[in-house]
């Protein structure tokens, strides 16, 4: 159990929602120094910087790269299964499978180093996988507390916490708005209504204890930013449709 806990802690530590992800490759990493002018060596490279690595032994096997992409897609779909009906995060089942999911994510990261050269798509996918897993993992205890707390307003804090995780499921494996999903537009509009309803409960919000209110405001701001990006895609699509109609 300690080993799995260590894996979980390491993977969560890999990601910071507001900063680049930095990973130290294994000692037997076959890549060379980064070719980009002024870029650091591979020992402290981000995934985006790893794209510049020049293999020193042989060219990567195209089939290996496809294997990485397929593995990432499958893992992403597994994470989305914990978002029930694209409407609620199943924190209980996710926690039960957490150590296994952490180990799988660690294996995927190791696999990218074996391939030695990754595409921009794979770099974005891994970055988003870590963010997705980290957000779900760190929300477990908070959701458990706010769902059961006997404090006025606890439900509204739980709801906005849950909303932020659900919004991640409206993205594709690269972290972009998943416009290919047939329910994307409907889901975005429904989540905007949920957000508006949460914002309108001012009396409850003002009565929250300081810590809960600060948590609520931070999570609310995060949800607003996410929905702003998701809805912007819909606006762009509407504009393109109008232009095409002329």
Protein backbone atom coordinates (compact mmCIF):
# COMPACT_ATOMS: atom_id res chain seq x y z
CA UNK A 1 0.00 0.00 0.00
CA UNK A 2 2.86 2.39 0.79
CA UNK A 3 4.23 1.92 -2.72
CA UNK A 4 0.92 2.83 -4.31
CA UNK A 5 0.56 5.82 -2.01
CA UNK A 6 3.99 6.95 -3.12
CA UNK A 7 2.99 6.61 -6.77
CA UNK A 8 -0.15 8.64 -6.12
CA UNK A 9 1.79 11.37 -4.32
CA UNK A 10 4.41 11.55 -7.07
CA UNK A 11 1.86 11.86 -9.85
CA UNK A 12 -0.11 14.54 -8.05
CA UNK A 13 3.15 16.39 -7.45
CA UNK A 14 3.88 16.30 -11.18
CA UNK A 15 1.03 18.63 -11.97
CA UNK A 16 0.35 22.22 -11.08
CA UNK A 17 -2.70 23.68 -12.77
CA UNK A 18 -0.98 27.04 -13.19
CA UNK A 19 2.56 26.07 -14.15
CA UNK A 20 4.39 23.86 -16.67
CA UNK A 21 4.84 20.22 -15.77
CA UNK A 22 8.45 19.23 -15.22
CA UNK A 23 9.51 15.63 -15.19
CA UNK A 24 12.94 14.11 -14.63
CA UNK A 25 13.51 11.31 -17.15
CA UNK A 26 14.93 7.95 -16.01
CA UNK A 27 18.72 7.53 -15.90
CA UNK A 28 18.60 5.31 -18.96
CA UNK A 29 16.66 7.86 -21.00
CA UNK A 30 17.93 7.59 -24.57
CA UNK A 31 17.17 11.16 -25.66
CA UNK A 32 19.83 13.78 -26.23
CA UNK A 33 20.04 17.45 -25.39
CA UNK A 34 17.32 19.79 -26.53
CA UNK A 35 18.06 21.22 -29.95
CA UNK A 36 16.07 24.43 -29.47
CA UNK A 37 18.30 27.48 -28.99
CA UNK A 38 18.70 28.40 -25.35
CA UNK A 39 16.53 25.53 -24.13
CA UNK A 40 17.52 23.56 -20.99
CA UNK A 41 18.75 19.97 -21.03
CA UNK A 42 16.27 17.11 -20.92
CA UNK A 43 16.79 16.66 -17.17
CA UNK A 44 14.38 19.48 -16.35
CA UNK A 45 12.40 19.68 -19.58
CA UNK A 46 8.65 20.08 -19.78
CA UNK A 47 6.67 17.83 -22.08
CA UNK A 48 6.48 20.66 -24.61
CA UNK A 49 10.27 21.02 -24.48
CA UNK A 50 10.70 17.28 -24.85
CA UNK A 51 9.34 17.67 -28.36
CA UNK A 52 12.70 19.19 -29.31
CA UNK A 53 14.71 16.19 -28.09
CA UNK A 54 16.97 14.55 -30.64
CA UNK A 55 17.19 10.76 -30.22
CA UNK A 56 20.80 9.59 -29.93
CA UNK A 57 20.30 5.91 -30.74
CA UNK A 58 17.59 5.33 -33.31
CA UNK A 59 14.42 6.81 -34.69
CA UNK A 60 11.25 6.08 -32.69
CA UNK A 61 9.08 3.26 -33.94
CA UNK A 62 5.87 4.72 -35.47
CA UNK A 63 3.94 1.77 -34.07
CA UNK A 64 5.23 2.58 -30.58
CA UNK A 65 4.01 6.16 -30.92
CA UNK A 66 0.58 4.90 -31.98
CA UNK A 67 0.57 2.55 -28.99
CA UNK A 68 1.20 5.50 -26.69
CA UNK A 69 -1.64 7.48 -28.27
CA UNK A 70 -4.06 4.56 -28.00
CA UNK A 71 -3.08 3.92 -24.39
CA UNK A 72 -3.64 7.57 -23.49
CA UNK A 73 -7.04 7.65 -25.21
CA UNK A 74 -8.14 4.51 -23.35
CA UNK A 75 -6.97 5.94 -20.03
CA UNK A 76 -8.81 9.20 -20.70
CA UNK A 77 -12.04 7.33 -21.44
CA UNK A 78 -11.60 5.42 -18.17
CA UNK A 79 -11.33 8.67 -16.21
CA UNK A 80 -14.48 9.98 -17.87
CA UNK A 81 -16.39 6.92 -16.66
CA UNK A 82 -16.24 8.41 -13.16
CA UNK A 83 -18.31 11.37 -14.39
CA UNK A 84 -21.75 9.81 -14.19
CA UNK A 85 -23.93 10.74 -17.16
CA UNK A 86 -21.60 13.74 -17.70
CA UNK A 87 -23.36 15.25 -14.71
CA UNK A 88 -21.72 14.19 -11.41
CA UNK A 89 -18.32 13.02 -10.20
CA UNK A 90 -18.37 9.57 -8.60
CA UNK A 91 -15.69 10.29 -6.01
CA UNK A 92 -16.39 7.07 -4.10
CA UNK A 93 -15.62 4.68 -6.96
CA UNK A 94 -12.73 6.84 -8.14
CA UNK A 95 -11.15 6.62 -4.70
CA UNK A 96 -11.53 2.83 -4.68
CA UNK A 97 -9.64 2.62 -7.99
CA UNK A 98 -7.27 5.51 -7.25
CA UNK A 99 -4.07 3.55 -6.61
CA UNK A 100 -4.57 1.46 -9.72
CA UNK A 101 -5.26 4.56 -11.84
CA UNK A 102 -2.18 6.27 -10.40
CA UNK A 103 -0.01 3.30 -11.30
CA UNK A 104 -1.42 3.22 -14.84
CA UNK A 105 -0.72 6.93 -15.34
CA UNK A 106 2.82 6.44 -14.09
CA UNK A 107 3.26 3.61 -16.62
CA UNK A 108 2.02 5.83 -19.44
CA UNK A 109 4.56 8.50 -18.53
CA UNK A 110 7.32 5.87 -18.48
CA UNK A 111 6.15 4.66 -21.88
CA UNK A 112 6.69 8.09 -23.42
CA UNK A 113 10.34 7.97 -22.37
CA UNK A 114 10.75 4.54 -23.94
CA UNK A 115 9.43 5.92 -27.23
CA UNK A 116 11.89 8.83 -26.74
CA UNK A 117 10.11 11.28 -29.01
CA UNK A 118 6.53 12.42 -28.64
CA UNK A 119 4.27 14.50 -30.84
CA UNK A 120 2.69 17.80 -29.75
CA UNK A 121 -0.61 15.92 -29.47
CA UNK A 122 0.81 13.36 -27.04
CA UNK A 123 2.46 16.13 -25.02
CA UNK A 124 -0.88 17.90 -24.64
CA UNK A 125 -2.64 14.64 -23.83
CA UNK A 126 -0.27 13.70 -21.02
CA UNK A 127 -0.36 17.21 -19.60
CA UNK A 128 -4.16 17.09 -19.50
CA UNK A 129 -4.25 13.53 -18.13
CA UNK A 130 -2.14 14.59 -15.17
CA UNK A 131 -4.31 17.66 -14.57
CA UNK A 132 -7.50 15.61 -14.84
CA UNK A 133 -6.23 12.91 -12.46
CA UNK A 134 -4.82 15.47 -10.02
CA UNK A 135 -8.06 17.48 -9.91
CA UNK A 136 -10.16 14.39 -9.27
CA UNK A 137 -7.77 13.04 -6.63
CA UNK A 138 -7.42 16.24 -4.62
CA UNK A 139 -11.19 16.83 -4.65
CA UNK A 140 -12.08 13.57 -2.90
CA UNK A 141 -11.70 14.72 0.70
CA UNK A 142 -13.18 18.16 0.01
CA UNK A 143 -16.26 16.65 -1.63
CA UNK A 144 -16.65 14.14 1.20
CA UNK A 145 -16.51 16.93 3.79
CA UNK A 146 -18.82 19.40 2.07
CA UNK A 147 -21.34 16.73 1.15
CA UNK A 148 -21.76 15.59 4.77
CA UNK A 149 -20.98 18.76 6.77
CA UNK A 150 -23.82 20.08 8.91
CA UNK A 151 -23.02 23.70 8.15
CA UNK A 152 -25.40 26.05 6.39
CA UNK A 153 -24.30 26.44 2.80
CA UNK A 154 -22.24 23.25 2.64
CA UNK A 155 -24.26 21.97 -0.31
CA UNK A 156 -23.51 25.00 -2.49
CA UNK A 157 -19.75 24.57 -1.96
CA UNK A 158 -20.00 20.86 -2.76
CA UNK A 159 -21.97 21.65 -5.93
CA UNK A 160 -19.42 24.07 -7.38
CA UNK A 161 -16.56 21.69 -6.51
CA UNK A 162 -18.36 18.90 -8.35
CA UNK A 163 -19.15 21.19 -11.29
CA UNK A 164 -15.48 21.91 -11.92
CA UNK A 165 -14.67 18.21 -12.28
CA UNK A 166 -17.66 17.63 -14.54
CA UNK A 167 -16.49 20.49 -16.78
CA UNK A 168 -13.20 18.66 -17.36
CA UNK A 169 -15.19 15.82 -18.91
CA UNK A 170 -16.47 18.25 -21.57
CA UNK A 171 -12.97 18.36 -23.04
CA UNK A 172 -11.19 15.94 -25.32
CA UNK A 173 -8.02 14.05 -24.40
CA UNK A 174 -5.88 17.09 -25.28
CA UNK A 175 -7.81 19.37 -22.93
CA UNK A 176 -9.64 21.18 -25.73
CA UNK A 177 -13.44 21.67 -25.82
CA UNK A 178 -14.85 18.38 -27.10
CA UNK A 179 -16.97 19.82 -29.91
CA UNK A 180 -17.16 16.39 -31.58
CA UNK A 181 -19.36 15.16 -28.75
CA UNK A 182 -22.95 15.31 -30.00
CA UNK A 183 -24.12 16.48 -26.56
CA UNK A 184 -21.42 19.13 -26.18
CA UNK A 185 -23.57 22.21 -26.85
CA UNK A 186 -26.44 20.96 -24.69
CA UNK A 187 -24.09 20.08 -21.82
CA UNK A 188 -22.35 23.46 -21.92
CA UNK A 189 -25.65 25.35 -21.85
CA UNK A 190 -26.95 23.20 -18.99
CA UNK A 191 -23.78 23.77 -16.97
CA UNK A 192 -24.10 27.52 -17.56
CA UNK A 193 -27.59 27.35 -16.04
CA UNK A 194 -26.19 25.43 -13.06
CA UNK A 195 -23.51 28.07 -12.58
CA UNK A 196 -26.05 30.91 -12.79
CA UNK A 197 -28.21 29.20 -10.18
CA UNK A 198 -25.24 28.86 -7.82
CA UNK A 199 -24.32 32.52 -8.25
CA UNK A 200 -27.86 33.68 -7.48
CA UNK A 201 -27.93 32.17 -4.00
CA UNK A 202 -26.42 35.29 -2.47
CA UNK A 203 -28.05 34.97 0.96
CA UNK A 204 -26.48 31.58 1.52
CA UNK A 205 -23.14 32.71 0.12
CA UNK A 206 -22.95 35.73 2.44
CA UNK A 207 -23.66 33.53 5.47
CA UNK A 208 -20.81 31.10 4.75
CA UNK A 209 -17.90 30.94 7.21
CA UNK A 210 -14.75 32.65 5.94
CA UNK A 211 -12.94 29.49 4.84
CA UNK A 212 -15.95 28.01 3.06
CA UNK A 213 -16.74 31.29 1.35
CA UNK A 214 -13.18 31.65 0.09
CA UNK A 215 -13.24 28.07 -1.18
CA UNK A 216 -16.57 28.69 -2.89
CA UNK A 217 -15.36 31.88 -4.58
CA UNK A 218 -12.18 30.21 -5.84
CA UNK A 219 -14.07 27.23 -7.24
CA UNK A 220 -16.71 29.53 -8.73
CA UNK A 221 -14.08 31.61 -10.50
CA UNK A 222 -12.51 28.46 -11.88
CA UNK A 223 -15.88 27.25 -13.18
CA UNK A 224 -16.58 30.63 -14.78
CA UNK A 225 -13.24 30.61 -16.61
CA UNK A 226 -13.77 27.07 -17.84
CA UNK A 227 -17.30 27.72 -19.06
CA UNK A 228 -16.18 30.93 -20.71
CA UNK A 229 -13.68 28.96 -22.80
CA UNK A 230 -16.17 26.19 -23.57
CA UNK A 231 -18.95 28.61 -24.58
CA UNK A 232 -16.56 30.67 -26.71
CA UNK A 233 -16.24 27.69 -29.04
CA UNK A 234 -20.03 27.65 -29.47
CA UNK A 235 -20.00 31.36 -30.31
CA UNK A 236 -17.31 30.84 -32.93
CA UNK A 237 -19.31 28.02 -34.47
CA UNK A 238 -22.44 30.21 -34.62
CA UNK A 239 -20.49 32.99 -36.34
CA UNK A 240 -19.06 30.59 -38.91
CA UNK A 241 -22.54 29.22 -39.58
CA UNK A 242 -23.91 32.72 -40.16
CA UNK A 243 -21.05 33.58 -42.53
CA UNK A 244 -21.60 30.36 -44.46
CA UNK A 245 -25.28 31.25 -44.80
CA UNK A 246 -24.60 34.45 -46.76
